[in-house]
ModelCIF file with pLDDT and N, C-alpha, C, O atoms, coordinates in Angstrom:
data_MODEL
#
_entry.id   MODEL 
#
_entity.id                         1 
_entity.type                       polymer 
_entity.pdbx_number_of_molecules   1 
#
_entity_poly.entity_id                      1 
_entity_poly.type                           'polypeptide(L)' 
_entity_poly.nstd_linkage                   no 
_entity_poly.nstd_monomer                   no 
_entity_poly.pdbx_seq_one_letter_code       GGTASNIVPRECKVRWNVRGLPGFDEDALVA 
_entity_poly.pdbx_seq_one_letter_code_can   GGTASNIVPRECKVRWNVRGLPGFDEDALVA 
_entity_poly.pdbx_strand_id                 A 
#
loop_
_entity_poly_seq.entity_id 
_entity_poly_seq.num 
_entity_poly_seq.mon_id 
_entity_poly_seq.hetero 
1 1  GLY n 
1 2  GLY n 
1 3  THR n 
1 4  ALA n 
1 5  SER n 
1 6  ASN n 
1 7  ILE n 
1 8  VAL n 
1 9  PRO n 
1 10 ARG n 
1 11 GLU n 
1 12 CYS n 
1 13 LYS n 
1 14 VAL n 
1 15 ARG n 
1 16 TRP n 
1 17 ASN n 
1 18 VAL n 
1 19 ARG n 
1 20 GLY n 
1 21 LEU n 
1 22 PRO n 
1 23 GLY n 
1 24 PHE n 
1 25 ASP n 
1 26 GLU n 
1 27 ASP n 
1 28 ALA n 
1 29 LEU n 
1 30 VAL n 
1 31 ALA n 
#
_struct_asym.id          A 
_struct_asym.entity_id   1 
#
loop_
_ma_qa_metric.id 
_ma_qa_metric.mode 
_ma_qa_metric.name 
_ma_qa_metric.software_group_id 
_ma_qa_metric.type 
1 global pLDDT . pLDDT 
2 local  pLDDT . pLDDT 
#
_ma_qa_metric_global.metric_id      1 
_ma_qa_metric_global.metric_value   96.71 
_ma_qa_metric_global.model_id       1 
_ma_qa_metric_global.ordinal_id     1 
#
loop_
_ma_qa_metric_local.label_asym_id 
_ma_qa_metric_local.label_comp_id 
_ma_qa_metric_local.label_seq_id 
_ma_qa_metric_local.metric_id 
_ma_qa_metric_local.metric_value 
_ma_qa_metric_local.model_id 
_ma_qa_metric_local.ordinal_id 
A GLY 1  2 98.00 1 1  
A GLY 2  2 97.00 1 2  
A THR 3  2 96.00 1 3  
A ALA 4  2 97.00 1 4  
A SER 5  2 96.00 1 5  
A ASN 6  2 97.00 1 6  
A ILE 7  2 98.00 1 7  
A VAL 8  2 97.00 1 8  
A PRO 9  2 98.00 1 9  
A ARG 10 2 98.00 1 10 
A GLU 11 2 98.00 1 11 
A CYS 12 2 98.00 1 12 
A LYS 13 2 98.00 1 13 
A VAL 14 2 98.00 1 14 
A ARG 15 2 98.00 1 15 
A TRP 16 2 98.00 1 16 
A ASN 17 2 97.00 1 17 
A VAL 18 2 97.00 1 18 
A ARG 19 2 96.00 1 19 
A GLY 20 2 97.00 1 20 
A LEU 21 2 96.00 1 21 
A PRO 22 2 95.00 1 22 
A GLY 23 2 94.00 1 23 
A PHE 24 2 95.00 1 24 
A ASP 25 2 95.00 1 25 
A GLU 26 2 94.00 1 26 
A ASP 27 2 94.00 1 27 
A ALA 28 2 97.00 1 28 
A LEU 29 2 97.00 1 29 
A VAL 30 2 97.00 1 30 
A ALA 31 2 97.00 1 31 
#
loop_
_atom_site.group_PDB 
_atom_site.id 
_atom_site.type_symbol 
_atom_site.label_atom_id 
_atom_site.label_alt_id 
_atom_site.label_comp_id 
_atom_site.label_asym_id 
_atom_site.label_entity_id 
_atom_site.label_seq_id 
_atom_site.pdbx_PDB_ins_code 
_atom_site.Cartn_x 
_atom_site.Cartn_y 
_atom_site.Cartn_z 
_atom_site.occupancy 
_atom_site.B_iso_or_equiv 
_atom_site.pdbx_formal_charge 
_atom_site.auth_seq_id 
_atom_site.auth_comp_id 
_atom_site.auth_asym_id 
_atom_site.auth_atom_id 
_atom_site.pdbx_PDB_model_num 
ATOM 1   N N  . GLY A 1 1  ? 31.195 -5.482  12.025 1.00 98.00 ? 1  GLY A N  1 
ATOM 2   C CA . GLY A 1 1  ? 30.802 -4.874  13.266 1.00 98.00 ? 1  GLY A CA 1 
ATOM 3   C C  . GLY A 1 1  ? 29.914 -3.642  13.062 1.00 98.00 ? 1  GLY A C  1 
ATOM 4   O O  . GLY A 1 1  ? 29.884 -3.039  11.989 1.00 98.00 ? 1  GLY A O  1 
ATOM 5   N N  . GLY A 1 2  ? 29.192 -3.293  14.138 1.00 97.00 ? 2  GLY A N  1 
ATOM 6   C CA . GLY A 1 2  ? 28.401 -2.067  14.069 1.00 97.00 ? 2  GLY A CA 1 
ATOM 7   C C  . GLY A 1 2  ? 26.993 -2.295  13.542 1.00 97.00 ? 2  GLY A C  1 
ATOM 8   O O  . GLY A 1 2  ? 26.703 -3.250  12.822 1.00 97.00 ? 2  GLY A O  1 
ATOM 9   N N  . THR A 1 3  ? 26.121 -1.347  13.949 1.00 96.00 ? 3  THR A N  1 
ATOM 10  C CA . THR A 1 3  ? 24.709 -1.449  13.560 1.00 96.00 ? 3  THR A CA 1 
ATOM 11  C C  . THR A 1 3  ? 24.253 -0.260  12.703 1.00 96.00 ? 3  THR A C  1 
ATOM 12  O O  . THR A 1 3  ? 23.585 -0.426  11.682 1.00 96.00 ? 3  THR A O  1 
ATOM 13  N N  . ALA A 1 4  ? 24.625 0.910   13.141 1.00 97.00 ? 4  ALA A N  1 
ATOM 14  C CA . ALA A 1 4  ? 24.234 2.142   12.427 1.00 97.00 ? 4  ALA A CA 1 
ATOM 15  C C  . ALA A 1 4  ? 25.214 3.246   12.774 1.00 97.00 ? 4  ALA A C  1 
ATOM 16  O O  . ALA A 1 4  ? 25.983 3.135   13.728 1.00 97.00 ? 4  ALA A O  1 
ATOM 17  N N  . SER A 1 5  ? 25.176 4.337   11.971 1.00 96.00 ? 5  SER A N  1 
ATOM 18  C CA . SER A 1 5  ? 26.173 5.384   12.176 1.00 96.00 ? 5  SER A CA 1 
ATOM 19  C C  . SER A 1 5  ? 25.938 6.177   13.455 1.00 96.00 ? 5  SER A C  1 
ATOM 20  O O  . SER A 1 5  ? 26.825 6.913   13.887 1.00 96.00 ? 5  SER A O  1 
ATOM 21  N N  . ASN A 1 6  ? 24.753 6.044   14.079 1.00 97.00 ? 6  ASN A N  1 
ATOM 22  C CA . ASN A 1 6  ? 24.480 6.800   15.312 1.00 97.00 ? 6  ASN A CA 1 
ATOM 23  C C  . ASN A 1 6  ? 24.415 5.859   16.546 1.00 97.00 ? 6  ASN A C  1 
ATOM 24  O O  . ASN A 1 6  ? 23.847 6.214   17.578 1.00 97.00 ? 6  ASN A O  1 
ATOM 25  N N  . ILE A 1 7  ? 24.994 4.691   16.413 1.00 98.00 ? 7  ILE A N  1 
ATOM 26  C CA . ILE A 1 7  ? 25.019 3.751   17.572 1.00 98.00 ? 7  ILE A CA 1 
ATOM 27  C C  . ILE A 1 7  ? 26.411 3.370   17.860 1.00 98.00 ? 7  ILE A C  1 
ATOM 28  O O  . ILE A 1 7  ? 27.128 2.972   16.943 1.00 98.00 ? 7  ILE A O  1 
ATOM 29  N N  . VAL A 1 8  ? 26.857 3.465   19.101 1.00 97.00 ? 8  VAL A N  1 
ATOM 30  C CA . VAL A 1 8  ? 28.131 2.915   19.490 1.00 97.00 ? 8  VAL A CA 1 
ATOM 31  C C  . VAL A 1 8  ? 28.079 1.407   19.323 1.00 97.00 ? 8  VAL A C  1 
ATOM 32  O O  . VAL A 1 8  ? 27.202 0.755   19.889 1.00 97.00 ? 8  VAL A O  1 
ATOM 33  N N  . PRO A 1 9  ? 29.004 0.839   18.555 1.00 98.00 ? 9  PRO A N  1 
ATOM 34  C CA . PRO A 1 9  ? 28.881 -0.571  18.205 1.00 98.00 ? 9  PRO A CA 1 
ATOM 35  C C  . PRO A 1 9  ? 29.089 -1.491  19.398 1.00 98.00 ? 9  PRO A C  1 
ATOM 36  O O  . PRO A 1 9  ? 30.046 -1.360  20.161 1.00 98.00 ? 9  PRO A O  1 
ATOM 37  N N  . ARG A 1 10 ? 28.145 -2.438  19.531 1.00 98.00 ? 10 ARG A N  1 
ATOM 38  C CA . ARG A 1 10 ? 28.196 -3.379  20.626 1.00 98.00 ? 10 ARG A CA 1 
ATOM 39  C C  . ARG A 1 10 ? 29.091 -4.571  20.295 1.00 98.00 ? 10 ARG A C  1 
ATOM 40  O O  . ARG A 1 10 ? 29.746 -5.107  21.190 1.00 98.00 ? 10 ARG A O  1 
ATOM 41  N N  . GLU A 1 11 ? 29.137 -5.005  19.017 1.00 98.00 ? 11 GLU A N  1 
ATOM 42  C CA . GLU A 1 11 ? 29.868 -6.192  18.660 1.00 98.00 ? 11 GLU A CA 1 
ATOM 43  C C  . GLU A 1 11 ? 30.716 -5.991  17.405 1.00 98.00 ? 11 GLU A C  1 
ATOM 44  O O  . GLU A 1 11 ? 30.332 -5.271  16.483 1.00 98.00 ? 11 GLU A O  1 
ATOM 45  N N  . CYS A 1 12 ? 31.845 -6.625  17.395 1.00 98.00 ? 12 CYS A N  1 
ATOM 46  C CA . CYS A 1 12 ? 32.705 -6.674  16.205 1.00 98.00 ? 12 CYS A CA 1 
ATOM 47  C C  . CYS A 1 12 ? 33.392 -8.040  16.157 1.00 98.00 ? 12 CYS A C  1 
ATOM 48  O O  . CYS A 1 12 ? 33.963 -8.515  17.138 1.00 98.00 ? 12 CYS A O  1 
ATOM 49  N N  . LYS A 1 13 ? 33.310 -8.643  14.983 1.00 98.00 ? 13 LYS A N  1 
ATOM 50  C CA . LYS A 1 13 ? 33.969 -9.924  14.740 1.00 98.00 ? 13 LYS A CA 1 
ATOM 51  C C  . LYS A 1 13 ? 35.145 -9.717  13.822 1.00 98.00 ? 13 LYS A C  1 
ATOM 52  O O  . LYS A 1 13 ? 35.022 -9.054  12.793 1.00 98.00 ? 13 LYS A O  1 
ATOM 53  N N  . VAL A 1 14 ? 36.282 -10.273 14.176 1.00 98.00 ? 14 VAL A N  1 
ATOM 54  C CA . VAL A 1 14 ? 37.493 -10.199 13.369 1.00 98.00 ? 14 VAL A CA 1 
ATOM 55  C C  . VAL A 1 14 ? 37.894 -11.635 13.005 1.00 98.00 ? 14 VAL A C  1 
ATOM 56  O O  . VAL A 1 14 ? 38.150 -12.465 13.877 1.00 98.00 ? 14 VAL A O  1 
ATOM 57  N N  . ARG A 1 15 ? 37.938 -11.893 11.745 1.00 98.00 ? 15 ARG A N  1 
ATOM 58  C CA . ARG A 1 15 ? 38.374 -13.216 11.299 1.00 98.00 ? 15 ARG A CA 1 
ATOM 59  C C  . ARG A 1 15 ? 39.839 -13.090 10.835 1.00 98.00 ? 15 ARG A C  1 
ATOM 60  O O  . ARG A 1 15 ? 40.197 -12.191 10.074 1.00 98.00 ? 15 ARG A O  1 
ATOM 61  N N  . TRP A 1 16 ? 40.645 -14.001 11.310 1.00 98.00 ? 16 TRP A N  1 
ATOM 62  C CA . TRP A 1 16 ? 42.091 -13.926 10.999 1.00 98.00 ? 16 TRP A CA 1 
ATOM 63  C C  . TRP A 1 16 ? 42.620 -15.335 10.906 1.00 98.00 ? 16 TRP A C  1 
ATOM 64  O O  . TRP A 1 16 ? 41.999 -16.283 11.387 1.00 98.00 ? 16 TRP A O  1 
ATOM 65  N N  . ASN A 1 17 ? 43.785 -15.465 10.275 1.00 97.00 ? 17 ASN A N  1 
ATOM 66  C CA . ASN A 1 17 ? 44.370 -16.783 10.150 1.00 97.00 ? 17 ASN A CA 1 
ATOM 67  C C  . ASN A 1 17 ? 45.887 -16.767 10.321 1.00 97.00 ? 17 ASN A C  1 
ATOM 68  O O  . ASN A 1 17 ? 46.534 -15.726 10.204 1.00 97.00 ? 17 ASN A O  1 
ATOM 69  N N  . VAL A 1 18 ? 46.417 -17.918 10.592 1.00 97.00 ? 18 VAL A N  1 
ATOM 70  C CA . VAL A 1 18 ? 47.826 -18.126 10.715 1.00 97.00 ? 18 VAL A CA 1 
ATOM 71  C C  . VAL A 1 18 ? 48.220 -19.245 9.766  1.00 97.00 ? 18 VAL A C  1 
ATOM 72  O O  . VAL A 1 18 ? 47.579 -20.295 9.739  1.00 97.00 ? 18 VAL A O  1 
ATOM 73  N N  . ARG A 1 19 ? 49.261 -19.026 8.997  1.00 96.00 ? 19 ARG A N  1 
ATOM 74  C CA . ARG A 1 19 ? 49.845 -20.124 8.217  1.00 96.00 ? 19 ARG A CA 1 
ATOM 75  C C  . ARG A 1 19 ? 51.272 -20.322 8.744  1.00 96.00 ? 19 ARG A C  1 
ATOM 76  O O  . ARG A 1 19 ? 52.151 -19.491 8.516  1.00 96.00 ? 19 ARG A O  1 
ATOM 77  N N  . GLY A 1 20 ? 51.484 -21.426 9.445  1.00 97.00 ? 20 GLY A N  1 
ATOM 78  C CA . GLY A 1 20 ? 52.703 -21.624 10.153 1.00 97.00 ? 20 GLY A CA 1 
ATOM 79  C C  . GLY A 1 20 ? 53.645 -22.610 9.448  1.00 97.00 ? 20 GLY A C  1 
ATOM 80  O O  . GLY A 1 20 ? 53.214 -23.627 8.906  1.00 97.00 ? 20 GLY A O  1 
ATOM 81  N N  . LEU A 1 21 ? 54.904 -22.288 9.473  1.00 96.00 ? 21 LEU A N  1 
ATOM 82  C CA . LEU A 1 21 ? 55.938 -23.227 8.987  1.00 96.00 ? 21 LEU A CA 1 
ATOM 83  C C  . LEU A 1 21 ? 55.837 -24.495 9.827  1.00 96.00 ? 21 LEU A C  1 
ATOM 84  O O  . LEU A 1 21 ? 55.437 -24.428 10.989 1.00 96.00 ? 21 LEU A O  1 
ATOM 85  N N  . PRO A 1 22 ? 56.193 -25.656 9.262  1.00 95.00 ? 22 PRO A N  1 
ATOM 86  C CA . PRO A 1 22 ? 56.233 -26.870 10.096 1.00 95.00 ? 22 PRO A CA 1 
ATOM 87  C C  . PRO A 1 22 ? 57.025 -26.653 11.371 1.00 95.00 ? 22 PRO A C  1 
ATOM 88  O O  . PRO A 1 22 ? 58.167 -26.195 11.339 1.00 95.00 ? 22 PRO A O  1 
ATOM 89  N N  . GLY A 1 23 ? 56.397 -26.991 12.507 1.00 94.00 ? 23 GLY A N  1 
ATOM 90  C CA . GLY A 1 23 ? 57.007 -26.776 13.796 1.00 94.00 ? 23 GLY A CA 1 
ATOM 91  C C  . GLY A 1 23 ? 56.634 -25.501 14.481 1.00 94.00 ? 23 GLY A C  1 
ATOM 92  O O  . GLY A 1 23 ? 56.956 -25.318 15.655 1.00 94.00 ? 23 GLY A O  1 
ATOM 93  N N  . PHE A 1 24 ? 55.947 -24.587 13.773 1.00 95.00 ? 24 PHE A N  1 
ATOM 94  C CA . PHE A 1 24 ? 55.497 -23.333 14.362 1.00 95.00 ? 24 PHE A CA 1 
ATOM 95  C C  . PHE A 1 24 ? 54.452 -23.564 15.437 1.00 95.00 ? 24 PHE A C  1 
ATOM 96  O O  . PHE A 1 24 ? 53.555 -24.386 15.251 1.00 95.00 ? 24 PHE A O  1 
ATOM 97  N N  . ASP A 1 25 ? 54.545 -22.856 16.564 1.00 95.00 ? 25 ASP A N  1 
ATOM 98  C CA . ASP A 1 25 ? 53.658 -23.040 17.687 1.00 95.00 ? 25 ASP A CA 1 
ATOM 99  C C  . ASP A 1 25 ? 52.523 -21.996 17.619 1.00 95.00 ? 25 ASP A C  1 
ATOM 100 O O  . ASP A 1 25 ? 52.636 -20.898 18.164 1.00 95.00 ? 25 ASP A O  1 
ATOM 101 N N  . GLU A 1 26 ? 51.441 -22.371 16.941 1.00 94.00 ? 26 GLU A N  1 
ATOM 102 C CA . GLU A 1 26 ? 50.309 -21.427 16.809 1.00 94.00 ? 26 GLU A CA 1 
ATOM 103 C C  . GLU A 1 26 ? 49.617 -21.220 18.165 1.00 94.00 ? 26 GLU A C  1 
ATOM 104 O O  . GLU A 1 26 ? 49.077 -20.148 18.436 1.00 94.00 ? 26 GLU A O  1 
ATOM 105 N N  . ASP A 1 27 ? 49.639 -22.248 19.003 1.00 94.00 ? 27 ASP A N  1 
ATOM 106 C CA . ASP A 1 27 ? 48.994 -22.090 20.318 1.00 94.00 ? 27 ASP A CA 1 
ATOM 107 C C  . ASP A 1 27 ? 49.652 -21.006 21.151 1.00 94.00 ? 27 ASP A C  1 
ATOM 108 O O  . ASP A 1 27 ? 48.980 -20.262 21.865 1.00 94.00 ? 27 ASP A O  1 
ATOM 109 N N  . ALA A 1 28 ? 50.998 -20.920 21.054 1.00 97.00 ? 28 ALA A N  1 
ATOM 110 C CA . ALA A 1 28 ? 51.688 -19.917 21.817 1.00 97.00 ? 28 ALA A CA 1 
ATOM 111 C C  . ALA A 1 28 ? 51.326 -18.524 21.322 1.00 97.00 ? 28 ALA A C  1 
ATOM 112 O O  . ALA A 1 28 ? 51.182 -17.597 22.119 1.00 97.00 ? 28 ALA A O  1 
ATOM 113 N N  . LEU A 1 29 ? 51.178 -18.375 20.010 1.00 97.00 ? 29 LEU A N  1 
ATOM 114 C CA . LEU A 1 29 ? 50.805 -17.070 19.443 1.00 97.00 ? 29 LEU A CA 1 
ATOM 115 C C  . LEU A 1 29 ? 49.373 -16.691 19.905 1.00 97.00 ? 29 LEU A C  1 
ATOM 116 O O  . LEU A 1 29 ? 49.140 -15.537 20.265 1.00 97.00 ? 29 LEU A O  1 
ATOM 117 N N  . VAL A 1 30 ? 48.443 -17.614 19.901 1.00 97.00 ? 30 VAL A N  1 
ATOM 118 C CA . VAL A 1 30 ? 47.090 -17.325 20.326 1.00 97.00 ? 30 VAL A CA 1 
ATOM 119 C C  . VAL A 1 30 ? 47.073 -16.976 21.819 1.00 97.00 ? 30 VAL A C  1 
ATOM 120 O O  . VAL A 1 30 ? 46.361 -16.066 22.245 1.00 97.00 ? 30 VAL A O  1 
ATOM 121 N N  . ALA A 1 31 ? 47.865 -17.711 22.604 1.00 97.00 ? 31 ALA A N  1 
ATOM 122 C CA . ALA A 1 31 ? 47.932 -17.418 24.072 1.00 97.00 ? 31 ALA A CA 1 
ATOM 123 C C  . ALA A 1 31 ? 48.453 -16.009 24.298 1.00 97.00 ? 31 ALA A C  1 
ATOM 124 O O  . ALA A 1 31 ? 48.582 -15.575 25.443 1.00 97.00 ? 31 ALA A O  1 
#
């Protein structure tokens, strides 16, 4: 995220992951 030190950042991308035990409801966590 961010463009320069003197600009309020317009965009930030966060990449994350879930590793769920069998039967874990990832959809509920995302919701």
